[in-house]
Amino acid sequence: MRYAQRGGYTPAEQQRREQLRLEAAARFARGDKISQIAHDLRVTPGSVRRWHRAWEEGGTGALRSRGPVSAERLSARQWARLELELGKGPLAHGFAADQRWTLGRIKTLIGRLFHVGYTVEGTWKLMRRHGWSCQVPVRQAMERDEEAVAVWKAEVWPDIKAPRATWVPSSVSRTRRARG
């Protein structure tokens, strides 16, 4: 994965990064120092040096974005439909075991709807690129009675909860007091 912490840049983030590189190119042409450019653009000096080498070899065009690392196989229309289908839930698409969307299920759904093959990792990158994130469902018992829980919190819990300790002078030292 190219950007391991985020699964790739979104188009807006790619455009923002390209603007940084183009601004750096303008400052290279003026003769500004690499350290000053890095400080002003809030990037590492190593990135600015890399951009400077590319700028020297290929000019401003070498700093332009080349687009996503992998071409997206779903069109904007297909993505909109996929989001609509995901909103219907797993049960509507035959996944009855539980009501969670997993990457494997999303991959299967994409294959069924659009006859496009993605790997599980590719599905993760696709979802991240469009702003989706991993969600862990809150686990609650099916028999949970919200009214009973509210009553317990209001009436029983205050009786059980220990009162706050009052202030008592104490020492922070772990050693014994000197005798004498």
C-alpha atoms as a PDB file:
ATOM      1  CA  MET A   1       0.000   0.000   0.000  1.00  0.00           C
ATOM      2  CA  ARG A   2       1.488   3.328  -0.983  1.00  0.00           C
ATOM      3  CA  TYR A   3       0.146   5.381   1.936  1.00  0.00           C
ATOM      4  CA  ALA A   4      -0.129   2.739   4.605  1.00  0.00           C
ATOM      5  CA  GLN A   5      -1.754   4.931   7.216  1.00  0.00           C
ATOM      6  CA  ARG A   6      -4.692   6.014   5.042  1.00  0.00           C
ATOM      7  CA  GLY A   7      -5.009   3.708   2.050  1.00  0.00           C
ATOM      8  CA  GLY A   8      -4.346   6.420  -0.545  1.00  0.00           C
ATOM      9  CA  TYR A   9      -5.243  10.058  -0.927  1.00  0.00           C
ATOM     10  CA  THR A  10      -8.736  11.233  -1.750  1.00  0.00           C
ATOM     11  CA  PRO A  11      -9.013  13.353  -4.920  1.00  0.00           C
ATOM     12  CA  ALA A  12      -9.304  16.519  -2.797  1.00  0.00           C
ATOM     13  CA  GLU A  13      -6.191  15.591  -0.814  1.00  0.00           C
ATOM     14  CA  GLN A  14      -4.318  14.821  -4.034  1.00  0.00           C
ATOM     15  CA  GLN A  15      -5.220  18.247  -5.381  1.00  0.00           C
ATOM     16  CA  ARG A  16      -4.115  19.928  -2.143  1.00  0.00           C
ATOM     17  CA  ARG A  17      -0.757  18.119  -2.263  1.00  0.00           C
ATOM     18  CA  GLU A  18      -0.288  19.080  -5.918  1.00  0.00           C
ATOM     19  CA  GLN A  19      -0.893  22.743  -5.032  1.00  0.00           C
ATOM     20  CA  LEU A  20       1.838  22.475  -2.380  1.00  0.00           C
ATOM     21  CA  ARG A  21       4.280  21.079  -4.938  1.00  0.00           C
ATOM     22  CA  LEU A  22       3.422  23.772  -7.489  1.00  0.00           C
ATOM     23  CA  GLU A  23       3.863  26.484  -4.862  1.00  0.00           C
ATOM     24  CA  ALA A  24       7.252  24.971  -4.039  1.00  0.00           C
ATOM     25  CA  ALA A  25       8.165  25.066  -7.749  1.00  0.00           C
ATOM     26  CA  ALA A  26       7.423  28.785  -7.889  1.00  0.00           C
ATOM     27  CA  ARG A  27       9.667  29.284  -4.874  1.00  0.00           C
ATOM     28  CA  PHE A  28      12.435  27.147  -6.428  1.00  0.00           C
ATOM     29  CA  ALA A  29      12.377  29.505  -9.404  1.00  0.00           C
ATOM     30  CA  ARG A  30      12.741  32.502  -7.045  1.00  0.00           C
ATOM     31  CA  GLY A  31      15.716  30.847  -5.367  1.00  0.00           C
ATOM     32  CA  ASP A  32      14.263  30.306  -1.884  1.00  0.00           C
ATOM     33  CA  LYS A  33      16.058  27.920   0.474  1.00  0.00           C
ATOM     34  CA  ILE A  34      14.737  24.392   0.887  1.00  0.00           C
ATOM     35  CA  SER A  35      14.526  24.684   4.664  1.00  0.00           C
ATOM     36  CA  GLN A  36      12.454  27.878   4.426  1.00  0.00           C
ATOM     37  CA  ILE A  37      10.084  26.331   1.867  1.00  0.00           C
ATOM     38  CA  ALA A  38       9.644  23.252   4.073  1.00  0.00           C
ATOM     39  CA  HIS A  39       8.911  25.419   7.107  1.00  0.00           C
ATOM     40  CA  ASP A  40       6.407  27.633   5.286  1.00  0.00           C
ATOM     41  CA  LEU A  41       4.556  24.746   3.585  1.00  0.00           C
ATOM     42  CA  ARG A  42       4.702  22.599   6.745  1.00  0.00           C
ATOM     43  CA  VAL A  43       6.305  19.598   5.037  1.00  0.00           C
ATOM     44  CA  THR A  44       9.575  17.792   5.646  1.00  0.00           C
ATOM     45  CA  PRO A  45      12.802  19.089   4.072  1.00  0.00           C
ATOM     46  CA  GLY A  46      13.252  15.636   2.524  1.00  0.00           C
ATOM     47  CA  SER A  47      10.002  16.043   0.588  1.00  0.00           C
ATOM     48  CA  VAL A  48      11.065  19.483  -0.617  1.00  0.00           C
ATOM     49  CA  ARG A  49      14.458  18.108  -1.737  1.00  0.00           C
ATOM     50  CA  ARG A  50      12.687  15.328  -3.656  1.00  0.00           C
ATOM     51  CA  TRP A  51      10.394  17.882  -5.300  1.00  0.00           C
ATOM     52  CA  HIS A  52      13.409  20.059  -6.117  1.00  0.00           C
ATOM     53  CA  ARG A  53      15.194  17.183  -7.881  1.00  0.00           C
ATOM     54  CA  ALA A  54      12.053  16.416  -9.897  1.00  0.00           C
ATOM     55  CA  TRP A  55      11.640  20.113 -10.729  1.00  0.00           C
ATOM     56  CA  GLU A  56      15.262  20.367 -11.917  1.00  0.00           C
ATOM     57  CA  GLU A  57      14.854  17.306 -14.144  1.00  0.00           C
ATOM     58  CA  GLY A  58      11.368  17.923 -15.553  1.00  0.00           C
ATOM     59  CA  GLY A  59      10.199  21.409 -14.621  1.00  0.00           C
ATOM     60  CA  THR A  60       6.823  22.226 -13.102  1.00  0.00           C
ATOM     61  CA  GLY A  61       5.133  19.431 -15.076  1.00  0.00           C
ATOM     62  CA  ALA A  62       7.138  16.852 -13.133  1.00  0.00           C
ATOM     63  CA  LEU A  63       5.409  18.006  -9.936  1.00  0.00           C
ATOM     64  CA  ARG A  64       1.866  17.587 -11.222  1.00  0.00           C
ATOM     65  CA  SER A  65      -0.265  14.755  -9.847  1.00  0.00           C
ATOM     66  CA  ARG A  66      -0.357  11.564 -11.881  1.00  0.00           C
ATOM     67  CA  GLY A  67      -3.757  10.614 -10.485  1.00  0.00           C
ATOM     68  CA  PRO A  68      -4.594   7.698  -8.204  1.00  0.00           C
ATOM     69  CA  VAL A  69      -2.037   4.920  -7.875  1.00  0.00           C
ATOM     70  CA  SER A  70      -4.569   2.464  -9.264  1.00  0.00           C
ATOM     71  CA  ALA A  71      -7.315   3.382 -11.678  1.00  0.00           C
ATOM     72  CA  GLU A  72     -10.734   3.099 -10.128  1.00  0.00           C
ATOM     73  CA  ARG A  73     -12.855   0.515 -11.894  1.00  0.00           C
ATOM     74  CA  LEU A  74     -16.203   1.946 -10.803  1.00  0.00           C
ATOM     75  CA  SER A  75     -17.637   5.005 -12.499  1.00  0.00           C
ATOM     76  CA  ALA A  76     -19.179   7.818 -10.456  1.00  0.00           C
ATOM     77  CA  ARG A  77     -22.628   6.480 -11.326  1.00  0.00           C
ATOM     78  CA  GLN A  78     -21.723   2.955 -10.213  1.00  0.00           C
ATOM     79  CA  TRP A  79     -20.243   4.284  -6.975  1.00  0.00           C
ATOM     80  CA  ALA A  80     -23.464   6.188  -6.248  1.00  0.00           C
ATOM     81  CA  ARG A  81     -25.450   3.002  -6.810  1.00  0.00           C
ATOM     82  CA  LEU A  82     -23.078   1.010  -4.588  1.00  0.00           C
ATOM     83  CA  GLU A  83     -23.553   3.514  -1.751  1.00  0.00           C
ATOM     84  CA  LEU A  84     -27.321   3.243  -2.185  1.00  0.00           C
ATOM     85  CA  GLU A  85     -27.142  -0.554  -2.039  1.00  0.00           C
ATOM     86  CA  LEU A  86     -24.870  -0.489   1.008  1.00  0.00           C
ATOM     87  CA  GLY A  87     -27.444   1.706   2.715  1.00  0.00           C
ATOM     88  CA  LYS A  88     -30.048  -1.041   2.310  1.00  0.00           C
ATOM     89  CA  GLY A  89     -28.010  -3.315   4.553  1.00  0.00           C
ATOM     90  CA  PRO A  90     -26.544  -6.810   4.206  1.00  0.00           C
ATOM     91  CA  LEU A  91     -29.887  -8.596   4.707  1.00  0.00           C
ATOM     92  CA  ALA A  92     -31.291  -7.039   1.514  1.00  0.00           C
ATOM     93  CA  HIS A  93     -28.473  -8.705  -0.419  1.00  0.00           C
ATOM     94  CA  GLY A  94     -28.700 -12.169   1.088  1.00  0.00           C
ATOM     95  CA  PHE A  95     -26.210 -11.911   3.933  1.00  0.00           C
ATOM     96  CA  ALA A  96     -28.379 -13.150   6.784  1.00  0.00           C
ATOM     97  CA  ALA A  97     -25.783 -14.278   9.337  1.00  0.00           C
ATOM     98  CA  ASP A  98     -25.361 -10.821  10.875  1.00  0.00           C
ATOM     99  CA  GLN A  99     -26.012  -7.213   9.946  1.00  0.00           C
ATOM    100  CA  ARG A 100     -22.456  -6.024   9.289  1.00  0.00           C
ATOM    101  CA  TRP A 101     -20.785  -5.075   6.051  1.00  0.00           C
ATOM    102  CA  THR A 102     -17.400  -6.755   5.784  1.00  0.00           C
ATOM    103  CA  LEU A 103     -14.874  -6.093   3.027  1.00  0.00           C
ATOM    104  CA  GLY A 104     -15.528  -9.583   1.680  1.00  0.00           C
ATOM    105  CA  ARG A 105     -19.263  -8.908   1.468  1.00  0.00           C
ATOM    106  CA  ILE A 106     -18.730  -5.528  -0.201  1.00  0.00           C
ATOM    107  CA  LYS A 107     -16.361  -7.189  -2.688  1.00  0.00           C
ATOM    108  CA  THR A 108     -19.005  -9.806  -3.439  1.00  0.00           C
ATOM    109  CA  LEU A 109     -21.689  -7.137  -3.840  1.00  0.00           C
ATOM    110  CA  ILE A 110     -19.535  -5.176  -6.303  1.00  0.00           C
ATOM    111  CA  GLY A 111     -19.002  -8.358  -8.301  1.00  0.00           C
ATOM    112  CA  ARG A 112     -22.737  -9.160  -8.349  1.00  0.00           C
ATOM    113  CA  LEU A 113     -23.885  -5.655  -9.269  1.00  0.00           C
ATOM    114  CA  PHE A 114     -21.224  -4.511 -11.719  1.00  0.00           C
ATOM    115  CA  HIS A 115     -19.315  -7.675 -12.744  1.00  0.00           C
ATOM    116  CA  VAL A 116     -16.082  -6.009 -11.624  1.00  0.00           C
ATOM    117  CA  GLY A 117     -13.484  -7.895  -9.625  1.00  0.00           C
ATOM    118  CA  TYR A 118     -11.754  -6.338  -6.625  1.00  0.00           C
ATOM    119  CA  THR A 119      -9.481  -7.917  -4.066  1.00  0.00           C
ATOM    120  CA  VAL A 120     -10.286  -7.419  -0.382  1.00  0.00           C
ATOM    121  CA  GLU A 121      -7.381  -4.950  -0.155  1.00  0.00           C
ATOM    122  CA  GLY A 122      -8.594  -3.171  -3.302  1.00  0.00           C
ATOM    123  CA  THR A 123     -12.075  -2.930  -1.778  1.00  0.00           C
ATOM    124  CA  TRP A 124     -10.567  -1.356   1.351  1.00  0.00           C
ATOM    125  CA  LYS A 125      -8.669   1.216  -0.755  1.00  0.00           C
ATOM    126  CA  LEU A 126     -11.818   1.991  -2.742  1.00  0.00           C
ATOM    127  CA  MET A 127     -13.877   2.541   0.395  1.00  0.00           C
ATOM    128  CA  ARG A 128     -11.189   4.720   2.021  1.00  0.00           C
ATOM    129  CA  ARG A 129     -10.795   6.784  -1.146  1.00  0.00           C
ATOM    130  CA  HIS A 130     -14.483   7.640  -0.940  1.00  0.00           C
ATOM    131  CA  GLY A 131     -14.419   8.537   2.742  1.00  0.00           C
ATOM    132  CA  TRP A 132     -15.703   5.300   4.276  1.00  0.00           C
ATOM    133  CA  SER A 133     -14.014   3.945   7.378  1.00  0.00           C
ATOM    134  CA  CYS A 134     -13.952   0.779   9.417  1.00  0.00           C
ATOM    135  CA  GLN A 135     -16.784   0.681  11.926  1.00  0.00           C
ATOM    136  CA  VAL A 136     -17.016  -1.616  14.901  1.00  0.00           C
ATOM    137  CA  PRO A 137     -20.614  -2.139  15.983  1.00  0.00           C
ATOM    138  CA  VAL A 138     -21.620  -1.563  19.571  1.00  0.00           C
ATOM    139  CA  ARG A 139     -22.417  -4.922  21.074  1.00  0.00           C
ATOM    140  CA  GLN A 140     -25.648  -4.978  23.052  1.00  0.00           C
ATOM    141  CA  ALA A 141     -27.895  -7.773  24.132  1.00  0.00           C
ATOM    142  CA  MET A 142     -31.023  -8.231  22.016  1.00  0.00           C
ATOM    143  CA  GLU A 143     -33.066  -8.453  25.202  1.00  0.00           C
ATOM    144  CA  ARG A 144     -31.798  -5.072  26.455  1.00  0.00           C
ATOM    145  CA  ASP A 145     -34.554  -2.953  28.003  1.00  0.00           C
ATOM    146  CA  GLU A 146     -33.605   0.729  27.666  1.00  0.00           C
ATOM    147  CA  GLU A 147     -36.215   1.877  30.198  1.00  0.00           C
ATOM    148  CA  ALA A 148     -34.924  -0.538  32.856  1.00  0.00           C
ATOM    149  CA  VAL A 149     -31.351   0.584  32.175  1.00  0.00           C
ATOM    150  CA  ALA A 150     -32.356   4.245  32.579  1.00  0.00           C
ATOM    151  CA  VAL A 151     -34.124   3.514  35.884  1.00  0.00           C
ATOM    152  CA  TRP A 152     -31.125   1.546  37.157  1.00  0.00           C
ATOM    153  CA  LYS A 153     -28.742   4.384  36.263  1.00  0.00           C
ATOM    154  CA  ALA A 154     -30.947   6.987  37.940  1.00  0.00           C
ATOM    155  CA  GLU A 155     -31.957   5.122  41.106  1.00  0.00           C
ATOM    156  CA  VAL A 156     -29.695   2.142  41.847  1.00  0.00           C
ATOM    157  CA  TRP A 157     -26.293   3.294  40.625  1.00  0.00           C
ATOM    158  CA  PRO A 158     -26.071   6.422  42.827  1.00  0.00           C
ATOM    159  CA  ASP A 159     -26.638   4.224  45.907  1.00  0.00           C
ATOM    160  CA  ILE A 160     -23.903   1.785  44.863  1.00  0.00           C
ATOM    161  CA  LYS A 161     -21.354   4.344  43.734  1.00  0.00           C
ATOM    162  CA  ALA A 162     -18.939   5.268  46.506  1.00  0.00           C
ATOM    163  CA  PRO A 163     -18.976   8.900  47.571  1.00  0.00           C
ATOM    164  CA  ARG A 164     -15.987  10.992  46.571  1.00  0.00           C
ATOM    165  CA  ALA A 165     -13.196  11.034  49.094  1.00  0.00           C
ATOM    166  CA  THR A 166     -12.787  14.282  50.951  1.00  0.00           C
ATOM    167  CA  TRP A 167      -9.500  16.115  50.909  1.00  0.00           C
ATOM    168  CA  VAL A 168      -6.969  14.808  53.378  1.00  0.00           C
ATOM    169  CA  PRO A 169      -3.421  16.124  53.656  1.00  0.00           C
ATOM    170  CA  SER A 170      -0.953  13.471  52.635  1.00  0.00           C
ATOM    171  CA  SER A 171       2.601  13.069  51.531  1.00  0.00           C
ATOM    172  CA  VAL A 172       3.668  12.245  48.006  1.00  0.00           C
ATOM    173  CA  SER A 173       6.866  10.697  49.283  1.00  0.00           C
ATOM    174  CA  ARG A 174       7.138   6.930  49.131  1.00  0.00           C
ATOM    175  CA  THR A 175       9.782   6.846  51.839  1.00  0.00           C
ATOM    176  CA  ARG A 176       9.153   6.581  55.546  1.00  0.00           C
ATOM    177  CA  ARG A 177       9.219   9.624  57.692  1.00  0.00           C
ATOM    178  CA  ALA A 178      12.414  10.065  59.578  1.00  0.00           C
ATOM    179  CA  ARG A 179      12.252   9.112  63.248  1.00  0.00           C
ATOM    180  CA  GLY A 180      13.686  11.378  65.627  1.00  0.00           C
END
